[in-house]
Amino acid sequence: MFSKAKAVLFDLDGTLIDSAPDLGAAADKMRTDRGLAPLPLIQYRPMAGAGARGMLGIAFGVTPEDPKFPELREEFFVNYERCMTQKTVIFHGVVELLQGLAERGLPWGVVTNKAMRFTRPLTQGMPLFATARAIVGGDSTPRAKPFPDPLLEAARQLGVPPQDCIYVGDDERDITAGKAAGMPTVAATYGYLGKSDVGRWGADTHIGAPLELLPLLNFRPQA
């Protein structure tokens, strides 16, 4: 399906790593610090891909338009910085997927809306990302996803034309950004989908597990 692909770019949270336990814990600490009852992870998980916006929405029912949101967001950020590698794990199959890309000679990278304040220490602390050729955060370019800017920057870092990069993500804004950048897109349905209808995103295809990507590359080994 993607026989002309020369590189693969991935979203981070909900696509390569399951960071919901640490994101949820950071928000839930804010609740317990205020004497409120803790919430189960199952309530936080669907919105983990939305970062602070999603976690604070679950924990306190606030939106970015709320006057208290900036202060709550910074408190969440401080909590998350202290715990962001405690329970975060790599999705099953991701290690093998990246090994498969290496065997095919395909470079890979990360494009996330997570600020580099968090992205840099998180990726530097996990051996998985040692082979990533590009890591672009939400504040690496003037505009984050759903704009195409960070995906275009990642393609530039890889030295691969955007149309020859595949972008894989678990959020509608990932697909929107990928399409705007002229990249084929893959929706990762094993991630944090929230209440979204994946079929309406307009992705070129979807995968229910990381390793399902490899057969789509139509790779044929040399005889």
N, C-alpha and C. Protein backbone atom coordinates (compact mmCIF):
# COMPACT_ATOMS: atom_id res chain seq x y z
N MET A 1 0.82 -1.22 0.00
CA MET A 1 0.00 0.00 0.00
C MET A 1 0.85 1.26 0.00
N PHE A 2 1.96 1.20 0.77
CA PHE A 2 2.86 2.36 0.84
C PHE A 2 4.23 1.97 0.29
N SER A 3 4.24 1.43 -0.90
CA SER A 3 5.48 0.87 -1.46
C SER A 3 6.54 1.92 -1.74
N LYS A 4 6.13 3.20 -1.84
CA LYS A 4 7.09 4.26 -2.14
C LYS A 4 7.58 4.98 -0.90
N ALA A 5 7.17 4.53 0.27
CA ALA A 5 7.55 5.21 1.51
C ALA A 5 9.06 5.15 1.71
N LYS A 6 9.63 6.28 2.12
CA LYS A 6 11.06 6.35 2.39
C LYS A 6 11.35 6.66 3.86
N ALA A 7 10.29 6.93 4.63
CA ALA A 7 10.45 7.22 6.06
C ALA A 7 9.09 7.11 6.74
N VAL A 8 9.12 6.90 8.04
CA VAL A 8 7.88 6.82 8.82
C VAL A 8 7.99 7.75 10.02
N LEU A 9 6.98 8.57 10.21
CA LEU A 9 6.89 9.47 11.35
C LEU A 9 5.74 9.02 12.24
N PHE A 10 5.94 9.15 13.55
CA PHE A 10 4.93 8.71 14.50
C PHE A 10 4.58 9.82 15.47
N ASP A 11 3.31 9.85 15.87
CA ASP A 11 2.93 10.58 17.08
C ASP A 11 3.57 9.85 18.25
N LEU A 12 3.58 10.47 19.42
CA LEU A 12 4.25 9.85 20.57
C LEU A 12 3.26 9.17 21.51
N ASP A 13 2.53 9.97 22.28
CA ASP A 13 1.60 9.42 23.26
C ASP A 13 0.42 8.74 22.57
N GLY A 14 0.18 7.49 22.91
CA GLY A 14 -0.94 6.77 22.33
C GLY A 14 -0.60 6.09 21.02
N THR A 15 0.63 6.30 20.52
CA THR A 15 1.05 5.67 19.28
C THR A 15 2.29 4.81 19.50
N LEU A 16 3.30 5.39 20.13
CA LEU A 16 4.51 4.64 20.47
C LEU A 16 4.54 4.24 21.94
N ILE A 17 4.10 5.15 22.80
CA ILE A 17 4.15 4.88 24.25
C ILE A 17 2.78 5.06 24.89
N ASP A 18 2.56 4.30 25.94
CA ASP A 18 1.34 4.43 26.74
C ASP A 18 1.70 5.26 27.98
N SER A 19 1.46 6.55 27.89
CA SER A 19 1.79 7.47 28.97
C SER A 19 0.58 7.83 29.82
N ALA A 20 -0.56 7.22 29.53
CA ALA A 20 -1.79 7.54 30.25
C ALA A 20 -1.65 7.38 31.77
N PRO A 21 -0.98 6.32 32.27
CA PRO A 21 -0.89 6.18 33.72
C PRO A 21 -0.20 7.36 34.40
N ASP A 22 0.87 7.89 33.80
CA ASP A 22 1.57 9.02 34.40
C ASP A 22 0.81 10.33 34.21
N LEU A 23 0.19 10.50 33.04
CA LEU A 23 -0.60 11.70 32.81
C LEU A 23 -1.79 11.75 33.77
N GLY A 24 -2.46 10.60 33.91
CA GLY A 24 -3.59 10.53 34.82
C GLY A 24 -3.18 10.76 36.26
N ALA A 25 -2.03 10.21 36.65
CA ALA A 25 -1.55 10.38 38.02
C ALA A 25 -1.25 11.83 38.32
N ALA A 26 -0.69 12.56 37.35
CA ALA A 26 -0.38 13.96 37.55
C ALA A 26 -1.64 14.78 37.80
N ALA A 27 -2.69 14.47 37.05
CA ALA A 27 -3.96 15.18 37.24
C ALA A 27 -4.65 14.75 38.52
N ASP A 28 -4.58 13.45 38.80
CA ASP A 28 -5.29 12.95 39.98
C ASP A 28 -4.66 13.45 41.27
N LYS A 29 -3.36 13.70 41.26
CA LYS A 29 -2.71 14.26 42.45
C LYS A 29 -3.29 15.64 42.76
N MET A 30 -3.64 16.37 41.72
CA MET A 30 -4.25 17.67 41.92
C MET A 30 -5.60 17.53 42.63
N ARG A 31 -6.32 16.49 42.30
CA ARG A 31 -7.60 16.25 42.96
C ARG A 31 -7.39 15.89 44.44
N THR A 32 -6.52 14.93 44.69
CA THR A 32 -6.32 14.49 46.07
C THR A 32 -5.68 15.58 46.93
N ASP A 33 -4.85 16.43 46.31
CA ASP A 33 -4.27 17.56 47.05
C ASP A 33 -5.35 18.53 47.51
N ARG A 34 -6.48 18.51 46.84
CA ARG A 34 -7.60 19.39 47.18
C ARG A 34 -8.67 18.67 48.00
N GLY A 35 -8.35 17.48 48.41
CA GLY A 35 -9.30 16.73 49.23
C GLY A 35 -10.40 16.06 48.45
N LEU A 36 -10.24 15.98 47.13
CA LEU A 36 -11.25 15.33 46.29
C LEU A 36 -10.91 13.85 46.14
N ALA A 37 -11.92 13.06 45.87
CA ALA A 37 -11.71 11.62 45.70
C ALA A 37 -10.93 11.34 44.42
N PRO A 38 -10.03 10.36 44.44
CA PRO A 38 -9.30 10.00 43.22
C PRO A 38 -10.23 9.39 42.18
N LEU A 39 -9.82 9.51 40.93
CA LEU A 39 -10.58 8.91 39.83
C LEU A 39 -9.79 7.74 39.26
N PRO A 40 -10.45 6.72 38.76
CA PRO A 40 -9.74 5.58 38.18
C PRO A 40 -9.10 5.95 36.85
N LEU A 41 -8.03 5.26 36.51
CA LEU A 41 -7.32 5.52 35.26
C LEU A 41 -8.22 5.38 34.05
N ILE A 42 -9.19 4.48 34.11
CA ILE A 42 -10.07 4.25 32.97
C ILE A 42 -10.79 5.53 32.54
N GLN A 43 -10.98 6.47 33.48
CA GLN A 43 -11.62 7.73 33.12
C GLN A 43 -10.65 8.68 32.42
N TYR A 44 -9.40 8.63 32.80
CA TYR A 44 -8.41 9.51 32.19
C TYR A 44 -7.92 9.01 30.82
N ARG A 45 -7.80 7.68 30.68
CA ARG A 45 -7.13 7.11 29.52
C ARG A 45 -7.65 7.61 28.17
N PRO A 46 -8.96 7.66 27.91
CA PRO A 46 -9.41 8.06 26.58
C PRO A 46 -8.96 9.46 26.17
N MET A 47 -8.69 10.34 27.16
CA MET A 47 -8.32 11.71 26.84
C MET A 47 -6.84 11.99 27.01
N ALA A 48 -6.05 10.95 27.20
CA ALA A 48 -4.61 11.14 27.43
C ALA A 48 -3.93 11.81 26.25
N GLY A 49 -4.42 11.56 25.05
CA GLY A 49 -3.81 12.17 23.87
C GLY A 49 -3.99 13.67 23.81
N ALA A 50 -4.90 14.21 24.60
CA ALA A 50 -5.13 15.65 24.61
C ALA A 50 -4.29 16.37 25.66
N GLY A 51 -3.40 15.65 26.34
CA GLY A 51 -2.48 16.27 27.27
C GLY A 51 -3.18 16.96 28.43
N ALA A 52 -2.65 18.13 28.80
CA ALA A 52 -3.19 18.88 29.94
C ALA A 52 -4.66 19.21 29.74
N ARG A 53 -5.02 19.57 28.52
CA ARG A 53 -6.42 19.90 28.23
C ARG A 53 -7.33 18.73 28.56
N GLY A 54 -6.93 17.54 28.12
CA GLY A 54 -7.76 16.37 28.37
C GLY A 54 -7.78 15.96 29.83
N MET A 55 -6.61 15.98 30.48
CA MET A 55 -6.52 15.54 31.86
C MET A 55 -7.27 16.48 32.81
N LEU A 56 -7.13 17.78 32.59
CA LEU A 56 -7.82 18.74 33.46
C LEU A 56 -9.31 18.74 33.20
N GLY A 57 -9.69 18.43 31.97
CA GLY A 57 -11.11 18.32 31.67
C GLY A 57 -11.75 17.19 32.45
N ILE A 58 -11.04 16.05 32.56
CA ILE A 58 -11.55 14.92 33.32
C ILE A 58 -11.51 15.21 34.81
N ALA A 59 -10.39 15.74 35.28
CA ALA A 59 -10.19 15.93 36.72
C ALA A 59 -11.09 17.00 37.31
N PHE A 60 -11.30 18.10 36.54
CA PHE A 60 -12.02 19.23 37.12
C PHE A 60 -13.14 19.79 36.23
N GLY A 61 -13.30 19.22 35.04
CA GLY A 61 -14.34 19.71 34.16
C GLY A 61 -14.07 21.10 33.60
N VAL A 62 -12.79 21.50 33.55
CA VAL A 62 -12.44 22.83 33.04
C VAL A 62 -12.01 22.72 31.58
N THR A 63 -12.11 23.82 30.87
CA THR A 63 -11.68 23.91 29.48
C THR A 63 -10.62 25.01 29.39
N PRO A 64 -9.89 25.06 28.28
CA PRO A 64 -8.87 26.11 28.13
C PRO A 64 -9.42 27.52 28.20
N GLU A 65 -10.73 27.68 28.02
CA GLU A 65 -11.33 29.01 28.10
C GLU A 65 -11.56 29.46 29.54
N ASP A 66 -11.47 28.53 30.48
CA ASP A 66 -11.70 28.86 31.89
C ASP A 66 -10.56 29.74 32.40
N PRO A 67 -10.87 30.83 33.13
CA PRO A 67 -9.82 31.72 33.66
C PRO A 67 -8.81 30.98 34.54
N LYS A 68 -9.23 29.89 35.19
CA LYS A 68 -8.33 29.15 36.08
C LYS A 68 -7.44 28.18 35.32
N PHE A 69 -7.69 27.99 34.04
CA PHE A 69 -6.99 26.94 33.30
C PHE A 69 -5.46 27.12 33.27
N PRO A 70 -4.93 28.32 32.96
CA PRO A 70 -3.46 28.44 32.90
C PRO A 70 -2.77 28.06 34.20
N GLU A 71 -3.32 28.45 35.33
CA GLU A 71 -2.72 28.11 36.62
C GLU A 71 -2.80 26.61 36.88
N LEU A 72 -3.95 26.02 36.58
CA LEU A 72 -4.09 24.58 36.77
C LEU A 72 -3.18 23.81 35.83
N ARG A 73 -3.03 24.30 34.62
CA ARG A 73 -2.16 23.63 33.65
C ARG A 73 -0.72 23.61 34.12
N GLU A 74 -0.22 24.71 34.67
CA GLU A 74 1.16 24.74 35.14
C GLU A 74 1.35 23.81 36.33
N GLU A 75 0.35 23.73 37.21
CA GLU A 75 0.44 22.79 38.33
C GLU A 75 0.48 21.36 37.80
N PHE A 76 -0.34 21.08 36.79
CA PHE A 76 -0.32 19.76 36.17
C PHE A 76 1.05 19.47 35.57
N PHE A 77 1.62 20.45 34.87
CA PHE A 77 2.93 20.27 34.25
C PHE A 77 4.00 19.92 35.29
N VAL A 78 3.98 20.62 36.41
CA VAL A 78 4.97 20.35 37.46
C VAL A 78 4.81 18.92 37.99
N ASN A 79 3.57 18.52 38.22
CA ASN A 79 3.31 17.15 38.68
C ASN A 79 3.80 16.13 37.65
N TYR A 80 3.51 16.41 36.38
CA TYR A 80 3.87 15.45 35.34
C TYR A 80 5.38 15.33 35.19
N GLU A 81 6.09 16.44 35.30
CA GLU A 81 7.55 16.40 35.21
C GLU A 81 8.14 15.47 36.27
N ARG A 82 7.49 15.40 37.41
CA ARG A 82 8.01 14.60 38.52
C ARG A 82 7.72 13.11 38.37
N CYS A 83 6.76 12.76 37.51
CA CYS A 83 6.35 11.35 37.45
C CYS A 83 6.31 10.77 36.05
N MET A 84 6.77 11.51 35.04
CA MET A 84 6.45 11.12 33.66
C MET A 84 7.12 9.85 33.16
N THR A 85 8.07 9.29 33.89
CA THR A 85 8.67 8.03 33.45
C THR A 85 8.41 6.89 34.44
N GLN A 86 7.53 7.12 35.41
CA GLN A 86 7.31 6.10 36.43
C GLN A 86 6.49 4.92 35.93
N LYS A 87 5.43 5.19 35.19
CA LYS A 87 4.54 4.12 34.75
C LYS A 87 4.34 4.08 33.24
N THR A 88 4.99 4.98 32.52
CA THR A 88 4.88 5.01 31.06
C THR A 88 5.59 3.80 30.46
N VAL A 89 4.94 3.13 29.53
CA VAL A 89 5.52 1.94 28.90
C VAL A 89 5.40 2.04 27.38
N ILE A 90 6.18 1.24 26.69
CA ILE A 90 6.13 1.16 25.23
C ILE A 90 5.01 0.20 24.85
N PHE A 91 4.21 0.58 23.87
CA PHE A 91 3.15 -0.31 23.42
C PHE A 91 3.75 -1.61 22.88
N HIS A 92 3.07 -2.71 23.15
CA HIS A 92 3.51 -4.02 22.68
C HIS A 92 3.63 -4.03 21.17
N GLY A 93 4.76 -4.46 20.67
CA GLY A 93 4.98 -4.54 19.23
C GLY A 93 5.76 -3.38 18.65
N VAL A 94 5.92 -2.29 19.41
CA VAL A 94 6.62 -1.11 18.87
C VAL A 94 8.10 -1.40 18.66
N VAL A 95 8.73 -2.08 19.60
CA VAL A 95 10.15 -2.41 19.44
C VAL A 95 10.37 -3.22 18.18
N GLU A 96 9.55 -4.23 17.97
CA GLU A 96 9.66 -5.07 16.78
C GLU A 96 9.34 -4.28 15.51
N LEU A 97 8.40 -3.36 15.60
CA LEU A 97 8.07 -2.51 14.45
C LEU A 97 9.29 -1.68 14.03
N LEU A 98 9.94 -1.06 14.99
CA LEU A 98 11.09 -0.22 14.67
C LEU A 98 12.25 -1.06 14.15
N GLN A 99 12.38 -2.27 14.67
CA GLN A 99 13.40 -3.18 14.13
C GLN A 99 13.09 -3.51 12.68
N GLY A 100 11.81 -3.69 12.39
CA GLY A 100 11.39 -3.98 11.02
C GLY A 100 11.68 -2.82 10.08
N LEU A 101 11.50 -1.59 10.56
CA LEU A 101 11.81 -0.43 9.74
C LEU A 101 13.31 -0.37 9.46
N ALA A 102 14.11 -0.66 10.48
CA ALA A 102 15.56 -0.66 10.30
C ALA A 102 15.98 -1.68 9.27
N GLU A 103 15.36 -2.86 9.30
CA GLU A 103 15.69 -3.91 8.33
C GLU A 103 15.33 -3.48 6.90
N ARG A 104 14.36 -2.61 6.79
CA ARG A 104 13.92 -2.12 5.48
C ARG A 104 14.68 -0.86 5.08
N GLY A 105 15.56 -0.38 5.94
CA GLY A 105 16.33 0.82 5.64
C GLY A 105 15.51 2.09 5.69
N LEU A 106 14.42 2.07 6.47
CA LEU A 106 13.54 3.23 6.56
C LEU A 106 13.82 4.02 7.84
N PRO A 107 14.25 5.26 7.73
CA PRO A 107 14.43 6.08 8.93
C PRO A 107 13.08 6.43 9.54
N TRP A 108 13.10 6.77 10.83
CA TRP A 108 11.85 7.09 11.49
C TRP A 108 12.06 8.27 12.43
N GLY A 109 10.95 8.90 12.80
CA GLY A 109 11.02 10.03 13.71
C GLY A 109 9.72 10.21 14.46
N VAL A 110 9.71 11.19 15.33
CA VAL A 110 8.57 11.47 16.20
C VAL A 110 8.10 12.90 15.98
N VAL A 111 6.80 13.08 15.85
CA VAL A 111 6.19 14.41 15.81
C VAL A 111 5.05 14.41 16.82
N THR A 112 5.23 15.16 17.90
CA THR A 112 4.26 15.18 18.98
C THR A 112 3.88 16.61 19.33
N ASN A 113 2.71 16.77 19.91
CA ASN A 113 2.32 18.09 20.41
C ASN A 113 2.79 18.30 21.85
N LYS A 114 3.42 17.29 22.43
CA LYS A 114 4.00 17.45 23.77
C LYS A 114 5.18 18.43 23.67
N ALA A 115 5.21 19.42 24.53
CA ALA A 115 6.28 20.41 24.50
C ALA A 115 7.63 19.74 24.71
N MET A 116 8.67 20.34 24.15
CA MET A 116 10.01 19.77 24.29
C MET A 116 10.46 19.75 25.75
N ARG A 117 9.87 20.57 26.58
CA ARG A 117 10.13 20.54 28.02
C ARG A 117 9.93 19.15 28.59
N PHE A 118 9.00 18.41 28.00
CA PHE A 118 8.71 17.05 28.43
C PHE A 118 9.24 16.01 27.43
N THR A 119 9.13 16.34 26.14
CA THR A 119 9.53 15.39 25.10
C THR A 119 11.01 15.04 25.19
N ARG A 120 11.84 16.06 25.40
CA ARG A 120 13.29 15.81 25.41
C ARG A 120 13.71 14.86 26.53
N PRO A 121 13.38 15.14 27.81
CA PRO A 121 13.81 14.21 28.86
C PRO A 121 13.15 12.84 28.76
N LEU A 122 11.90 12.81 28.28
CA LEU A 122 11.21 11.53 28.15
C LEU A 122 11.89 10.64 27.11
N THR A 123 12.17 11.18 25.94
CA THR A 123 12.78 10.37 24.89
C THR A 123 14.24 10.07 25.19
N GLN A 124 14.92 10.99 25.84
CA GLN A 124 16.32 10.73 26.20
C GLN A 124 16.43 9.66 27.28
N GLY A 125 15.37 9.49 28.05
CA GLY A 125 15.39 8.51 29.12
C GLY A 125 14.94 7.12 28.72
N MET A 126 14.54 6.95 27.44
CA MET A 126 14.07 5.66 26.97
C MET A 126 14.93 5.21 25.79
N PRO A 127 15.63 4.09 25.90
CA PRO A 127 16.51 3.61 24.83
C PRO A 127 15.82 3.47 23.48
N LEU A 128 14.51 3.27 23.49
CA LEU A 128 13.75 3.11 22.25
C LEU A 128 14.05 4.21 21.25
N PHE A 129 14.26 5.43 21.74
CA PHE A 129 14.35 6.59 20.85
C PHE A 129 15.76 6.90 20.39
N ALA A 130 16.71 6.05 20.73
CA ALA A 130 18.10 6.30 20.33
C ALA A 130 18.27 6.30 18.82
N THR A 131 17.42 5.56 18.11
CA THR A 131 17.56 5.46 16.66
C THR A 131 16.64 6.43 15.90
N ALA A 132 15.88 7.24 16.62
CA ALA A 132 15.00 8.21 15.96
C ALA A 132 15.85 9.28 15.27
N ARG A 133 15.56 9.55 14.02
CA ARG A 133 16.34 10.52 13.26
C ARG A 133 15.78 11.93 13.38
N ALA A 134 14.59 12.06 13.92
CA ALA A 134 13.98 13.38 14.13
C ALA A 134 13.02 13.28 15.31
N ILE A 135 13.07 14.26 16.20
CA ILE A 135 12.11 14.35 17.29
C ILE A 135 11.65 15.81 17.36
N VAL A 136 10.41 16.03 16.99
CA VAL A 136 9.84 17.37 16.89
C VAL A 136 8.71 17.49 17.91
N GLY A 137 8.78 18.51 18.76
CA GLY A 137 7.78 18.72 19.80
C GLY A 137 6.75 19.75 19.41
N GLY A 138 5.79 19.96 20.31
CA GLY A 138 4.71 20.88 20.03
C GLY A 138 5.13 22.33 19.95
N ASP A 139 6.28 22.66 20.51
CA ASP A 139 6.78 24.03 20.44
C ASP A 139 8.06 24.13 19.61
N SER A 140 8.32 23.13 18.79
CA SER A 140 9.50 23.16 17.92
C SER A 140 9.29 24.04 16.69
N THR A 141 8.04 24.26 16.35
CA THR A 141 7.68 25.11 15.21
C THR A 141 6.64 26.12 15.69
N PRO A 142 6.43 27.20 14.95
CA PRO A 142 5.47 28.22 15.39
C PRO A 142 4.05 27.69 15.59
N ARG A 143 3.68 26.70 14.81
CA ARG A 143 2.34 26.12 14.92
C ARG A 143 2.45 24.61 15.12
N ALA A 144 1.67 24.09 16.07
CA ALA A 144 1.64 22.65 16.33
C ALA A 144 0.54 21.99 15.50
N LYS A 145 0.46 20.67 15.58
CA LYS A 145 -0.65 19.96 14.94
C LYS A 145 -1.98 20.50 15.48
N PRO A 146 -2.99 20.67 14.67
CA PRO A 146 -3.23 20.05 13.36
C PRO A 146 -2.61 20.76 12.15
N PHE A 147 -1.80 21.80 12.39
CA PHE A 147 -1.10 22.42 11.28
C PHE A 147 0.03 21.50 10.81
N PRO A 148 0.44 21.61 9.57
CA PRO A 148 1.45 20.70 9.04
C PRO A 148 2.88 21.05 9.41
N ASP A 149 3.11 22.22 10.01
CA ASP A 149 4.46 22.73 10.24
C ASP A 149 5.41 21.72 10.90
N PRO A 150 5.02 21.07 12.02
CA PRO A 150 5.97 20.16 12.66
C PRO A 150 6.27 18.92 11.83
N LEU A 151 5.32 18.45 11.04
CA LEU A 151 5.57 17.30 10.19
C LEU A 151 6.53 17.67 9.06
N LEU A 152 6.37 18.87 8.53
CA LEU A 152 7.27 19.33 7.48
C LEU A 152 8.68 19.52 8.04
N GLU A 153 8.79 19.98 9.28
CA GLU A 153 10.09 20.12 9.92
C GLU A 153 10.75 18.77 10.12
N ALA A 154 9.98 17.77 10.53
CA ALA A 154 10.53 16.43 10.71
C ALA A 154 11.02 15.86 9.38
N ALA A 155 10.25 16.06 8.33
CA ALA A 155 10.67 15.59 7.00
C ALA A 155 11.96 16.27 6.58
N ARG A 156 12.06 17.57 6.89
CA ARG A 156 13.29 18.30 6.57
C ARG A 156 14.48 17.71 7.31
N GLN A 157 14.29 17.41 8.60
CA GLN A 157 15.37 16.83 9.39
C GLN A 157 15.79 15.46 8.85
N LEU A 158 14.82 14.70 8.34
CA LEU A 158 15.12 13.39 7.79
C LEU A 158 15.73 13.47 6.40
N GLY A 159 15.53 14.60 5.74
CA GLY A 159 15.99 14.73 4.38
C GLY A 159 15.16 13.95 3.39
N VAL A 160 13.86 13.79 3.71
CA VAL A 160 12.94 13.02 2.88
C VAL A 160 11.77 13.92 2.47
N PRO A 161 11.38 13.95 1.19
CA PRO A 161 10.23 14.74 0.78
C PRO A 161 8.98 14.33 1.58
N PRO A 162 8.16 15.31 1.97
CA PRO A 162 6.97 14.98 2.78
C PRO A 162 6.10 13.90 2.18
N GLN A 163 5.93 13.92 0.88
CA GLN A 163 5.05 12.95 0.23
C GLN A 163 5.59 11.53 0.31
N ASP A 164 6.86 11.40 0.69
CA ASP A 164 7.46 10.07 0.82
C ASP A 164 7.54 9.61 2.28
N CYS A 165 6.93 10.40 3.18
CA CYS A 165 6.86 10.04 4.60
C CYS A 165 5.45 9.57 4.95
N ILE A 166 5.34 8.55 5.75
CA ILE A 166 4.06 8.12 6.30
C ILE A 166 3.94 8.70 7.70
N TYR A 167 2.75 9.19 8.06
CA TYR A 167 2.55 9.66 9.42
C TYR A 167 1.51 8.80 10.11
N VAL A 168 1.87 8.30 11.30
CA VAL A 168 1.01 7.41 12.07
C VAL A 168 0.63 8.10 13.38
N GLY A 169 -0.67 8.18 13.65
CA GLY A 169 -1.11 8.82 14.89
C GLY A 169 -2.46 8.32 15.35
N ASP A 170 -2.79 8.63 16.60
CA ASP A 170 -4.03 8.12 17.20
C ASP A 170 -5.05 9.21 17.46
N ASP A 171 -4.84 10.39 16.89
CA ASP A 171 -5.76 11.51 17.12
C ASP A 171 -6.15 12.12 15.78
N GLU A 172 -7.34 12.67 15.71
CA GLU A 172 -7.80 13.26 14.45
C GLU A 172 -6.86 14.37 13.98
N ARG A 173 -6.30 15.12 14.92
CA ARG A 173 -5.40 16.20 14.51
C ARG A 173 -4.13 15.65 13.87
N ASP A 174 -3.74 14.41 14.20
CA ASP A 174 -2.60 13.79 13.54
C ASP A 174 -2.90 13.58 12.06
N ILE A 175 -4.06 13.08 11.79
CA ILE A 175 -4.45 12.81 10.41
C ILE A 175 -4.63 14.11 9.65
N THR A 176 -5.23 15.10 10.29
CA THR A 176 -5.41 16.41 9.65
C THR A 176 -4.06 17.02 9.28
N ALA A 177 -3.11 16.95 10.22
CA ALA A 177 -1.78 17.51 9.98
C ALA A 177 -1.05 16.75 8.88
N GLY A 178 -1.16 15.42 8.92
CA GLY A 178 -0.49 14.62 7.92
C GLY A 178 -1.00 14.91 6.52
N LYS A 179 -2.31 15.01 6.39
CA LYS A 179 -2.90 15.31 5.09
C LYS A 179 -2.48 16.69 4.60
N ALA A 180 -2.46 17.66 5.53
CA ALA A 180 -2.06 19.02 5.17
C ALA A 180 -0.60 19.08 4.72
N ALA A 181 0.21 18.16 5.26
CA ALA A 181 1.63 18.10 4.89
C ALA A 181 1.86 17.29 3.62
N GLY A 182 0.80 16.69 3.09
CA GLY A 182 0.93 15.90 1.88
C GLY A 182 1.44 14.50 2.11
N MET A 183 1.31 14.01 3.35
CA MET A 183 1.81 12.68 3.70
C MET A 183 0.68 11.66 3.72
N PRO A 184 0.93 10.43 3.30
CA PRO A 184 -0.02 9.35 3.55
C PRO A 184 -0.18 9.18 5.07
N THR A 185 -1.38 8.87 5.51
CA THR A 185 -1.65 8.82 6.95
C THR A 185 -2.22 7.48 7.39
N VAL A 186 -1.87 7.10 8.62
CA VAL A 186 -2.34 5.85 9.21
C VAL A 186 -2.88 6.17 10.60
N ALA A 187 -4.12 5.79 10.86
CA ALA A 187 -4.73 5.98 12.18
C ALA A 187 -4.44 4.77 13.06
N ALA A 188 -3.86 5.02 14.23
CA ALA A 188 -3.56 3.95 15.18
C ALA A 188 -4.74 3.79 16.12
N THR A 189 -5.57 2.79 15.88
CA THR A 189 -6.80 2.65 16.65
C THR A 189 -6.59 2.03 18.02
N TYR A 190 -5.37 1.62 18.33
CA TYR A 190 -5.08 1.07 19.66
C TYR A 190 -4.73 2.18 20.66
N GLY A 191 -4.70 3.42 20.20
CA GLY A 191 -4.28 4.53 21.05
C GLY A 191 -5.43 5.18 21.80
N TYR A 192 -5.26 6.48 22.05
CA TYR A 192 -6.24 7.24 22.86
C TYR A 192 -7.22 7.93 21.91
N LEU A 193 -8.30 7.27 21.60
CA LEU A 193 -9.22 7.79 20.60
C LEU A 193 -10.30 8.69 21.17
N GLY A 194 -10.42 8.74 22.50
CA GLY A 194 -11.49 9.53 23.08
C GLY A 194 -12.84 9.05 22.57
N LYS A 195 -13.67 9.99 22.15
CA LYS A 195 -14.99 9.66 21.63
C LYS A 195 -15.05 9.81 20.12
N SER A 196 -13.90 9.84 19.48
CA SER A 196 -13.83 10.11 18.05
C SER A 196 -14.30 8.93 17.21
N ASP A 197 -14.84 9.25 16.05
CA ASP A 197 -15.20 8.26 15.05
C ASP A 197 -14.06 8.22 14.05
N VAL A 198 -13.18 7.22 14.19
CA VAL A 198 -11.98 7.14 13.36
C VAL A 198 -12.31 7.13 11.87
N GLY A 199 -13.42 6.53 11.53
CA GLY A 199 -13.78 6.44 10.12
C GLY A 199 -14.00 7.78 9.46
N ARG A 200 -14.23 8.82 10.25
CA ARG A 200 -14.49 10.15 9.69
C ARG A 200 -13.22 10.99 9.60
N TRP A 201 -12.10 10.46 10.05
CA TRP A 201 -10.86 11.26 10.04
C TRP A 201 -10.29 11.43 8.64
N GLY A 202 -10.54 10.47 7.77
CA GLY A 202 -10.01 10.57 6.42
C GLY A 202 -8.61 10.00 6.27
N ALA A 203 -8.18 9.15 7.21
CA ALA A 203 -6.87 8.52 7.09
C ALA A 203 -6.85 7.56 5.91
N ASP A 204 -5.67 7.33 5.35
CA ASP A 204 -5.55 6.41 4.23
C ASP A 204 -5.86 4.98 4.65
N THR A 205 -5.50 4.64 5.88
CA THR A 205 -5.83 3.33 6.43
C THR A 205 -5.69 3.40 7.94
N HIS A 206 -5.98 2.30 8.62
CA HIS A 206 -5.82 2.26 10.08
C HIS A 206 -5.22 0.92 10.48
N ILE A 207 -4.61 0.93 11.67
CA ILE A 207 -4.01 -0.30 12.20
C ILE A 207 -4.49 -0.49 13.64
N GLY A 208 -4.73 -1.74 14.00
CA GLY A 208 -5.19 -2.05 15.35
C GLY A 208 -4.08 -2.46 16.29
N ALA A 209 -2.85 -2.56 15.76
CA ALA A 209 -1.67 -2.90 16.56
C ALA A 209 -0.45 -2.40 15.79
N PRO A 210 0.65 -2.03 16.49
CA PRO A 210 1.81 -1.46 15.82
C PRO A 210 2.35 -2.30 14.66
N LEU A 211 2.46 -3.62 14.86
CA LEU A 211 3.07 -4.47 13.84
C LEU A 211 2.24 -4.59 12.56
N GLU A 212 0.98 -4.16 12.61
CA GLU A 212 0.16 -4.19 11.41
C GLU A 212 0.65 -3.20 10.35
N LEU A 213 1.55 -2.29 10.75
CA LEU A 213 2.07 -1.32 9.78
C LEU A 213 3.02 -1.98 8.78
N LEU A 214 3.83 -2.92 9.23
CA LEU A 214 4.86 -3.48 8.37
C LEU A 214 4.34 -4.08 7.06
N PRO A 215 3.26 -4.88 7.07
CA PRO A 215 2.78 -5.43 5.80
C PRO A 215 2.31 -4.36 4.82
N LEU A 216 1.96 -3.18 5.32
CA LEU A 216 1.47 -2.11 4.45
C LEU A 216 2.60 -1.46 3.65
N LEU A 217 3.84 -1.75 4.04
CA LEU A 217 4.97 -1.13 3.36
C LEU A 217 5.33 -1.87 2.07
N ASN A 218 4.71 -3.03 1.85
CA ASN A 218 4.92 -3.79 0.61
C ASN A 218 6.40 -4.05 0.38
N PHE A 219 7.12 -4.30 1.44
CA PHE A 219 8.56 -4.54 1.31
C PHE A 219 8.83 -5.91 0.73
N ARG A 220 9.76 -5.96 -0.22
CA ARG A 220 10.16 -7.24 -0.79
C ARG A 220 11.66 -7.40 -0.62
N PRO A 221 12.12 -8.33 0.22
CA PRO A 221 13.55 -8.49 0.42
C PRO A 221 14.26 -8.90 -0.86
N GLN A 222 15.53 -8.56 -0.92
CA GLN A 222 16.33 -8.94 -2.07
C GLN A 222 16.54 -10.46 -2.09
N ALA A 223 16.49 -11.05 -3.26
CA ALA A 223 16.70 -12.50 -3.39
C ALA A 223 18.16 -12.84 -3.13
